[in-house]
Amino acid sequence: METVYRALRAIPFRRGPRRWVGGVCSGLAERFGWDANLVRLVTLVSFLLPVIGIGLYLVLWLIVPWADGSIPLQRIVRSFKQR
C-alpha cells in the first residue's frame, strides 16, 4: 500500500490552500491555471449527475494529497489499523 501512497504523492497535484470544502477544486484550478470559482461552479453542476460529480469528488477528496504530502485515505487506514 505504501507504493500507492508514494505514487499519489508523486503526481503534481495538491489540494489548494484557498479551499472552501476539501480543497480539490482550488488545487485543480491552481494546477492548470484556471479560475477556482469556475472549477467550483463546474463541480457543483456535475453534482447533478450524482455518480460522476459526487462520486468523483469523494474519490479525489480521499486520494489527493495536501500540500504537506499527507493523504486522507492513508490517515483513515492508519486509524482503523490502530484500533
PDB file of N, CA and C in Angstrom:
ATOM      1  N   MET A   1       0.823  -1.199   0.000  1.00  0.00           N
ATOM      2  CA  MET A   1       0.000   0.000   0.000  1.00  0.00           C
ATOM      3  C   MET A   1       0.866   1.262   0.000  1.00  0.00           C
ATOM      4  N   GLU A   2       2.037   1.178   0.557  1.00  0.00           N
ATOM      5  CA  GLU A   2       2.930   2.349   0.596  1.00  0.00           C
ATOM      6  C   GLU A   2       3.327   2.798  -0.806  1.00  0.00           C
ATOM      7  N   THR A   3       3.431   1.860  -1.750  1.00  0.00           N
ATOM      8  CA  THR A   3       3.777   2.256  -3.121  1.00  0.00           C
ATOM      9  C   THR A   3       2.654   3.085  -3.750  1.00  0.00           C
ATOM     10  N   VAL A   4       1.418   2.771  -3.377  1.00  0.00           N
ATOM     11  CA  VAL A   4       0.279   3.558  -3.873  1.00  0.00           C
ATOM     12  C   VAL A   4       0.363   4.977  -3.327  1.00  0.00           C
ATOM     13  N   TYR A   5       0.648   5.110  -2.042  1.00  0.00           N
ATOM     14  CA  TYR A   5       0.760   6.443  -1.434  1.00  0.00           C
ATOM     15  C   TYR A   5       1.935   7.222  -2.033  1.00  0.00           C
ATOM     16  N   ARG A   6       3.032   6.540  -2.286  1.00  0.00           N
ATOM     17  CA  ARG A   6       4.180   7.204  -2.922  1.00  0.00           C
ATOM     18  C   ARG A   6       3.814   7.700  -4.313  1.00  0.00           C
ATOM     19  N   ALA A   7       3.083   6.876  -5.056  1.00  0.00           N
ATOM     20  CA  ALA A   7       2.662   7.268  -6.406  1.00  0.00           C
ATOM     21  C   ALA A   7       1.715   8.469  -6.354  1.00  0.00           C
ATOM     22  N   LEU A   8       0.823   8.490  -5.375  1.00  0.00           N
ATOM     23  CA  LEU A   8      -0.089   9.627  -5.237  1.00  0.00           C
ATOM     24  C   LEU A   8       0.662  10.905  -4.886  1.00  0.00           C
ATOM     25  N   ARG A   9       1.696  10.784  -4.064  1.00  0.00           N
ATOM     26  CA  ARG A   9       2.487  11.966  -3.707  1.00  0.00           C
ATOM     27  C   ARG A   9       3.342  12.444  -4.880  1.00  0.00           C
ATOM     28  N   ALA A  10       3.609  11.579  -5.845  1.00  0.00           N
ATOM     29  CA  ALA A  10       4.453  11.931  -6.989  1.00  0.00           C
ATOM     30  C   ALA A  10       3.695  12.748  -8.042  1.00  0.00           C
ATOM     31  N   ILE A  11       2.372  12.671  -8.039  1.00  0.00           N
ATOM     32  CA  ILE A  11       1.633  13.451  -9.035  1.00  0.00           C
ATOM     33  C   ILE A  11       1.740  14.937  -8.683  1.00  0.00           C
ATOM     34  N   PRO A  12       1.795  15.790  -9.701  1.00  0.00           N
ATOM     35  CA  PRO A  12       1.980  17.224  -9.437  1.00  0.00           C
ATOM     36  C   PRO A  12       0.664  17.947  -9.145  1.00  0.00           C
ATOM     37  N   PHE A  13      -0.160  17.364  -8.313  1.00  0.00           N
ATOM     38  CA  PHE A  13      -1.465  17.927  -7.990  1.00  0.00           C
ATOM     39  C   PHE A  13      -1.647  17.870  -6.486  1.00  0.00           C
ATOM     40  N   ARG A  14      -1.916  18.999  -5.875  1.00  0.00           N
ATOM     41  CA  ARG A  14      -2.143  19.085  -4.438  1.00  0.00           C
ATOM     42  C   ARG A  14      -3.426  19.852  -4.194  1.00  0.00           C
ATOM     43  N   ARG A  15      -4.000  19.637  -3.044  1.00  0.00           N
ATOM     44  CA  ARG A  15      -5.171  20.426  -2.672  1.00  0.00           C
ATOM     45  C   ARG A  15      -4.749  21.865  -2.483  1.00  0.00           C
ATOM     46  N   GLY A  16      -5.594  22.757  -2.923  1.00  0.00           N
ATOM     47  CA  GLY A  16      -5.259  24.174  -2.860  1.00  0.00           C
ATOM     48  C   GLY A  16      -5.408  24.771  -1.471  1.00  0.00           C
ATOM     49  N   PRO A  17      -4.636  25.790  -1.203  1.00  0.00           N
ATOM     50  CA  PRO A  17      -4.713  26.438   0.106  1.00  0.00           C
ATOM     51  C   PRO A  17      -5.961  27.308   0.266  1.00  0.00           C
ATOM     52  N   ARG A  18      -6.536  27.766  -0.856  1.00  0.00           N
ATOM     53  CA  ARG A  18      -7.738  28.610  -0.794  1.00  0.00           C
ATOM     54  C   ARG A  18      -8.980  27.735  -0.896  1.00  0.00           C
ATOM     55  N   ARG A  19      -9.141  26.840   0.016  1.00  0.00           N
ATOM     56  CA  ARG A  19     -10.210  25.861  -0.091  1.00  0.00           C
ATOM     57  C   ARG A  19     -11.502  26.358   0.532  1.00  0.00           C
ATOM     58  N   TRP A  20     -12.601  25.829   0.041  1.00  0.00           N
ATOM     59  CA  TRP A  20     -13.905  26.081   0.624  1.00  0.00           C
ATOM     60  C   TRP A  20     -14.335  24.854   1.412  1.00  0.00           C
ATOM     61  N   VAL A  21     -14.203  23.683   0.811  1.00  0.00           N
ATOM     62  CA  VAL A  21     -14.602  22.442   1.485  1.00  0.00           C
ATOM     63  C   VAL A  21     -13.380  21.551   1.646  1.00  0.00           C
ATOM     64  N   GLY A  22     -12.977  20.888   0.579  1.00  0.00           N
ATOM     65  CA  GLY A  22     -11.865  19.953   0.664  1.00  0.00           C
ATOM     66  C   GLY A  22     -10.606  20.406  -0.044  1.00  0.00           C
ATOM     67  N   GLY A  23     -10.674  21.481  -0.791  1.00  0.00           N
ATOM     68  CA  GLY A  23      -9.505  21.984  -1.497  1.00  0.00           C
ATOM     69  C   GLY A  23      -9.253  21.350  -2.844  1.00  0.00           C
ATOM     70  N   VAL A  24     -10.120  20.430  -3.259  1.00  0.00           N
ATOM     71  CA  VAL A  24      -9.929  19.735  -4.529  1.00  0.00           C
ATOM     72  C   VAL A  24     -10.076  20.700  -5.704  1.00  0.00           C
ATOM     73  N   CYS A  25     -11.100  21.521  -5.698  1.00  0.00           N
ATOM     74  CA  CYS A  25     -11.341  22.450  -6.814  1.00  0.00           C
ATOM     75  C   CYS A  25     -10.245  23.499  -6.910  1.00  0.00           C
ATOM     76  N   SER A  26      -9.852  24.053  -5.775  1.00  0.00           N
ATOM     77  CA  SER A  26      -8.810  25.079  -5.827  1.00  0.00           C
ATOM     78  C   SER A  26      -7.460  24.475  -6.212  1.00  0.00           C
ATOM     79  N   GLY A  27      -7.201  23.236  -5.820  1.00  0.00           N
ATOM     80  CA  GLY A  27      -5.973  22.559  -6.231  1.00  0.00           C
ATOM     81  C   GLY A  27      -5.955  22.297  -7.726  1.00  0.00           C
ATOM     82  N   LEU A  28      -7.091  21.880  -8.259  1.00  0.00           N
ATOM     83  CA  LEU A  28      -7.208  21.645  -9.697  1.00  0.00           C
ATOM     84  C   LEU A  28      -7.031  22.951 -10.459  1.00  0.00           C
ATOM     85  N   ALA A  29      -7.658  24.010  -9.978  1.00  0.00           N
ATOM     86  CA  ALA A  29      -7.545  25.313 -10.635  1.00  0.00           C
ATOM     87  C   ALA A  29      -6.106  25.815 -10.599  1.00  0.00           C
ATOM     88  N   GLU A  30      -5.449  25.643  -9.474  1.00  0.00           N
ATOM     89  CA  GLU A  30      -4.059  26.091  -9.359  1.00  0.00           C
ATOM     90  C   GLU A  30      -3.149  25.297 -10.286  1.00  0.00           C
ATOM     91  N   ARG A  31      -3.368  24.007 -10.377  1.00  0.00           N
ATOM     92  CA  ARG A  31      -2.531  23.137 -11.204  1.00  0.00           C
ATOM     93  C   ARG A  31      -2.607  23.511 -12.677  1.00  0.00           C
ATOM     94  N   PHE A  32      -3.809  23.830 -13.165  1.00  0.00           N
ATOM     95  CA  PHE A  32      -3.994  24.099 -14.584  1.00  0.00           C
ATOM     96  C   PHE A  32      -4.109  25.584 -14.923  1.00  0.00           C
ATOM     97  N   GLY A  33      -4.019  26.444 -13.922  1.00  0.00           N
ATOM     98  CA  GLY A  33      -4.074  27.875 -14.158  1.00  0.00           C
ATOM     99  C   GLY A  33      -5.468  28.392 -14.467  1.00  0.00           C
ATOM    100  N   TRP A  34      -6.476  27.712 -13.954  1.00  0.00           N
ATOM    101  CA  TRP A  34      -7.857  28.108 -14.175  1.00  0.00           C
ATOM    102  C   TRP A  34      -8.352  28.938 -13.001  1.00  0.00           C
ATOM    103  N   ASP A  35      -9.498  29.567 -13.177  1.00  0.00           N
ATOM    104  CA  ASP A  35     -10.142  30.302 -12.103  1.00  0.00           C
ATOM    105  C   ASP A  35     -10.805  29.307 -11.143  1.00  0.00           C
ATOM    106  N   ALA A  36     -10.518  29.426  -9.850  1.00  0.00           N
ATOM    107  CA  ALA A  36     -11.039  28.479  -8.859  1.00  0.00           C
ATOM    108  C   ALA A  36     -12.565  28.511  -8.794  1.00  0.00           C
ATOM    109  N   ASN A  37     -13.149  29.679  -8.926  1.00  0.00           N
ATOM    110  CA  ASN A  37     -14.617  29.762  -8.865  1.00  0.00           C
ATOM    111  C   ASN A  37     -15.274  29.090 -10.052  1.00  0.00           C
ATOM    112  N   LEU A  38     -14.639  29.143 -11.211  1.00  0.00           N
ATOM    113  CA  LEU A  38     -15.170  28.449 -12.378  1.00  0.00           C
ATOM    114  C   LEU A  38     -15.124  26.931 -12.160  1.00  0.00           C
ATOM    115  N   VAL A  39     -14.037  26.436 -11.617  1.00  0.00           N
ATOM    116  CA  VAL A  39     -13.927  24.999 -11.336  1.00  0.00           C
ATOM    117  C   VAL A  39     -14.970  24.595 -10.302  1.00  0.00           C
ATOM    118  N   ARG A  40     -15.185  25.425  -9.301  1.00  0.00           N
ATOM    119  CA  ARG A  40     -16.215  25.135  -8.286  1.00  0.00           C
ATOM    120  C   ARG A  40     -17.604  25.094  -8.923  1.00  0.00           C
ATOM    121  N   LEU A  41     -17.875  26.022  -9.822  1.00  0.00           N
ATOM    122  CA  LEU A  41     -19.172  26.053 -10.492  1.00  0.00           C
ATOM    123  C   LEU A  41     -19.389  24.800 -11.334  1.00  0.00           C
ATOM    124  N   VAL A  42     -18.383  24.405 -12.095  1.00  0.00           N
ATOM    125  CA  VAL A  42     -18.482  23.184 -12.899  1.00  0.00           C
ATOM    126  C   VAL A  42     -18.673  21.963 -11.992  1.00  0.00           C
ATOM    127  N   THR A  43     -17.993  21.949 -10.859  1.00  0.00           N
ATOM    128  CA  THR A  43     -18.143  20.844  -9.913  1.00  0.00           C
ATOM    129  C   THR A  43     -19.563  20.784  -9.366  1.00  0.00           C
ATOM    130  N   LEU A  44     -20.113  21.930  -9.000  1.00  0.00           N
ATOM    131  CA  LEU A  44     -21.485  21.955  -8.494  1.00  0.00           C
ATOM    132  C   LEU A  44     -22.483  21.488  -9.548  1.00  0.00           C
ATOM    133  N   VAL A  45     -22.273  21.887 -10.789  1.00  0.00           N
ATOM    134  CA  VAL A  45     -23.145  21.433 -11.867  1.00  0.00           C
ATOM    135  C   VAL A  45     -23.000  19.925 -12.059  1.00  0.00           C
ATOM    136  N   SER A  46     -21.775  19.420 -11.923  1.00  0.00           N
ATOM    137  CA  SER A  46     -21.566  17.973 -12.088  1.00  0.00           C
ATOM    138  C   SER A  46     -22.234  17.172 -10.977  1.00  0.00           C
ATOM    139  N   PHE A  47     -22.527  17.814  -9.841  1.00  0.00           N
ATOM    140  CA  PHE A  47     -23.235  17.117  -8.762  1.00  0.00           C
ATOM    141  C   PHE A  47     -24.660  16.747  -9.157  1.00  0.00           C
ATOM    142  N   LEU A  48     -25.176  17.346 -10.235  1.00  0.00           N
ATOM    143  CA  LEU A  48     -26.481  16.954 -10.744  1.00  0.00           C
ATOM    144  C   LEU A  48     -26.442  15.538 -11.310  1.00  0.00           C
ATOM    145  N   LEU A  49     -25.256  15.074 -11.658  1.00  0.00           N
ATOM    146  CA  LEU A  49     -25.038  13.691 -12.087  1.00  0.00           C
ATOM    147  C   LEU A  49     -24.350  12.987 -10.913  1.00  0.00           C
ATOM    148  N   PRO A  50     -25.119  12.465  -9.953  1.00  0.00           N
ATOM    149  CA  PRO A  50     -24.566  12.015  -8.671  1.00  0.00           C
ATOM    150  C   PRO A  50     -23.369  11.075  -8.752  1.00  0.00           C
ATOM    151  N   VAL A  51     -23.413  10.097  -9.600  1.00  0.00           N
ATOM    152  CA  VAL A  51     -22.303   9.142  -9.650  1.00  0.00           C
ATOM    153  C   VAL A  51     -21.027   9.817 -10.137  1.00  0.00           C
ATOM    154  N   ILE A  52     -21.153  10.631 -11.158  1.00  0.00           N
ATOM    155  CA  ILE A  52     -19.978  11.291 -11.718  1.00  0.00           C
ATOM    156  C   ILE A  52     -19.508  12.416 -10.814  1.00  0.00           C
ATOM    157  N   GLY A  53     -20.388  13.329 -10.475  1.00  0.00           N
ATOM    158  CA  GLY A  53     -19.996  14.507  -9.704  1.00  0.00           C
ATOM    159  C   GLY A  53     -19.597  14.203  -8.280  1.00  0.00           C
ATOM    160  N   ILE A  54     -20.533  13.714  -7.503  1.00  0.00           N
ATOM    161  CA  ILE A  54     -20.267  13.463  -6.084  1.00  0.00           C
ATOM    162  C   ILE A  54     -19.279  12.325  -5.917  1.00  0.00           C
ATOM    163  N   GLY A  55     -19.445  11.261  -6.682  1.00  0.00           N
ATOM    164  CA  GLY A  55     -18.542  10.113  -6.562  1.00  0.00           C
ATOM    165  C   GLY A  55     -17.103  10.475  -6.881  1.00  0.00           C
ATOM    166  N   LEU A  56     -16.899  11.179  -7.975  1.00  0.00           N
ATOM    167  CA  LEU A  56     -15.544  11.579  -8.357  1.00  0.00           C
ATOM    168  C   LEU A  56     -14.947  12.530  -7.331  1.00  0.00           C
ATOM    169  N   TYR A  57     -15.749  13.478  -6.845  1.00  0.00           N
ATOM    170  CA  TYR A  57     -15.249  14.419  -5.844  1.00  0.00           C
ATOM    171  C   TYR A  57     -14.822  13.683  -4.581  1.00  0.00           C
ATOM    172  N   LEU A  58     -15.629  12.719  -4.129  1.00  0.00           N
ATOM    173  CA  LEU A  58     -15.269  11.966  -2.920  1.00  0.00           C
ATOM    174  C   LEU A  58     -13.997  11.149  -3.105  1.00  0.00           C
ATOM    175  N   VAL A  59     -13.858  10.545  -4.275  1.00  0.00           N
ATOM    176  CA  VAL A  59     -12.629   9.782  -4.549  1.00  0.00           C
ATOM    177  C   VAL A  59     -11.420  10.717  -4.534  1.00  0.00           C
ATOM    178  N   LEU A  60     -11.544  11.860  -5.198  1.00  0.00           N
ATOM    179  CA  LEU A  60     -10.443  12.820  -5.199  1.00  0.00           C
ATOM    180  C   LEU A  60     -10.169  13.337  -3.795  1.00  0.00           C
ATOM    181  N   TRP A  61     -11.213  13.546  -3.014  1.00  0.00           N
ATOM    182  CA  TRP A  61     -11.046  14.019  -1.642  1.00  0.00           C
ATOM    183  C   TRP A  61     -10.250  13.007  -0.825  1.00  0.00           C
ATOM    184  N   LEU A  62     -10.435  11.743  -1.093  1.00  0.00           N
ATOM    185  CA  LEU A  62      -9.724  10.697  -0.351  1.00  0.00           C
ATOM    186  C   LEU A  62      -8.272  10.527  -0.778  1.00  0.00           C
ATOM    187  N   ILE A  63      -7.978  10.706  -2.071  1.00  0.00           N
ATOM    188  CA  ILE A  63      -6.640  10.335  -2.553  1.00  0.00           C
ATOM    189  C   ILE A  63      -5.716  11.499  -2.884  1.00  0.00           C
ATOM    190  N   VAL A  64      -6.254  12.702  -3.059  1.00  0.00           N
ATOM    191  CA  VAL A  64      -5.384  13.837  -3.424  1.00  0.00           C
ATOM    192  C   VAL A  64      -4.653  14.332  -2.176  1.00  0.00           C
ATOM    193  N   PRO A  65      -3.336  14.398  -2.245  1.00  0.00           N
ATOM    194  CA  PRO A  65      -2.562  14.833  -1.074  1.00  0.00           C
ATOM    195  C   PRO A  65      -2.728  16.323  -0.774  1.00  0.00           C
ATOM    196  N   TRP A  66      -2.549  16.651   0.499  1.00  0.00           N
ATOM    197  CA  TRP A  66      -2.472  18.048   0.921  1.00  0.00           C
ATOM    198  C   TRP A  66      -1.111  18.584   0.507  1.00  0.00           C
ATOM    199  N   ALA A  67      -0.886  19.855   0.685  1.00  0.00           N
ATOM    200  CA  ALA A  67       0.388  20.480   0.316  1.00  0.00           C
ATOM    201  C   ALA A  67       1.550  19.869   1.088  1.00  0.00           C
ATOM    202  N   ASP A  68       1.297  19.376   2.306  1.00  0.00           N
ATOM    203  CA  ASP A  68       2.366  18.767   3.101  1.00  0.00           C
ATOM    204  C   ASP A  68       2.612  17.304   2.740  1.00  0.00           C
ATOM    205  N   GLY A  69       1.835  16.768   1.782  1.00  0.00           N
ATOM    206  CA  GLY A  69       2.031  15.396   1.326  1.00  0.00           C
ATOM    207  C   GLY A  69       1.173  14.368   2.038  1.00  0.00           C
ATOM    208  N   SER A  70       0.414  14.771   3.060  1.00  0.00           N
ATOM    209  CA  SER A  70      -0.433  13.804   3.765  1.00  0.00           C
ATOM    210  C   SER A  70      -1.670  13.486   2.919  1.00  0.00           C
ATOM    211  N   ILE A  71      -2.090  12.233   2.984  1.00  0.00           N
ATOM    212  CA  ILE A  71      -3.208  11.748   2.176  1.00  0.00           C
ATOM    213  C   ILE A  71      -4.324  11.309   3.131  1.00  0.00           C
ATOM    214  N   PRO A  72      -5.544  11.840   2.967  1.00  0.00           N
ATOM    215  CA  PRO A  72      -6.640  11.475   3.862  1.00  0.00           C
ATOM    216  C   PRO A  72      -6.908   9.975   3.931  1.00  0.00           C
ATOM    217  N   LEU A  73      -6.854   9.274   2.814  1.00  0.00           N
ATOM    218  CA  LEU A  73      -7.090   7.829   2.819  1.00  0.00           C
ATOM    219  C   LEU A  73      -6.071   7.120   3.702  1.00  0.00           C
ATOM    220  N   GLN A  74      -4.827   7.541   3.643  1.00  0.00           N
ATOM    221  CA  GLN A  74      -3.784   6.935   4.463  1.00  0.00           C
ATOM    222  C   GLN A  74      -4.070   7.168   5.946  1.00  0.00           C
ATOM    223  N   ARG A  75      -4.520   8.349   6.292  1.00  0.00           N
ATOM    224  CA  ARG A  75      -4.873   8.633   7.694  1.00  0.00           C
ATOM    225  C   ARG A  75      -6.016   7.754   8.170  1.00  0.00           C
ATOM    226  N   ILE A  76      -7.030   7.576   7.307  1.00  0.00           N
ATOM    227  CA  ILE A  76      -8.177   6.747   7.674  1.00  0.00           C
ATOM    228  C   ILE A  76      -7.752   5.300   7.882  1.00  0.00           C
ATOM    229  N   VAL A  77      -6.934   4.784   6.964  1.00  0.00           N
ATOM    230  CA  VAL A  77      -6.463   3.394   7.073  1.00  0.00           C
ATOM    231  C   VAL A  77      -5.641   3.221   8.346  1.00  0.00           C
ATOM    232  N   ARG A  78      -4.775   4.163   8.645  1.00  0.00           N
ATOM    233  CA  ARG A  78      -3.962   4.075   9.861  1.00  0.00           C
ATOM    234  C   ARG A  78      -4.834   4.081  11.123  1.00  0.00           C
ATOM    235  N   SER A  79      -5.867   4.894  11.133  1.00  0.00           N
ATOM    236  CA  SER A  79      -6.717   4.960  12.331  1.00  0.00           C
ATOM    237  C   SER A  79      -7.460   3.650  12.551  1.00  0.00           C
ATOM    238  N   PHE A  80      -7.856   2.978  11.453  1.00  0.00           N
ATOM    239  CA  PHE A  80      -8.512   1.685  11.601  1.00  0.00           C
ATOM    240  C   PHE A  80      -7.522   0.605  12.043  1.00  0.00           C
ATOM    241  N   LYS A  81      -6.293   0.682  11.598  1.00  0.00           N
ATOM    242  CA  LYS A  81      -5.282  -0.300  11.994  1.00  0.00           C
ATOM    243  C   LYS A  81      -4.919  -0.171  13.463  1.00  0.00           C
ATOM    244  N   GLN A  82      -4.997   1.039  14.001  1.00  0.00           N
ATOM    245  CA  GLN A  82      -4.616   1.263  15.395  1.00  0.00           C
ATOM    246  C   GLN A  82      -5.682   0.798  16.364  1.00  0.00           C
ATOM    247  N   ARG A  83      -6.869   0.497  15.898  1.00  0.00           N
ATOM    248  CA  ARG A  83      -7.965   0.062  16.781  1.00  0.00           C
ATOM    249  C   ARG A  83      -7.824  -1.356  17.174  1.00  0.00           C
TER     250      ARG A  83
END
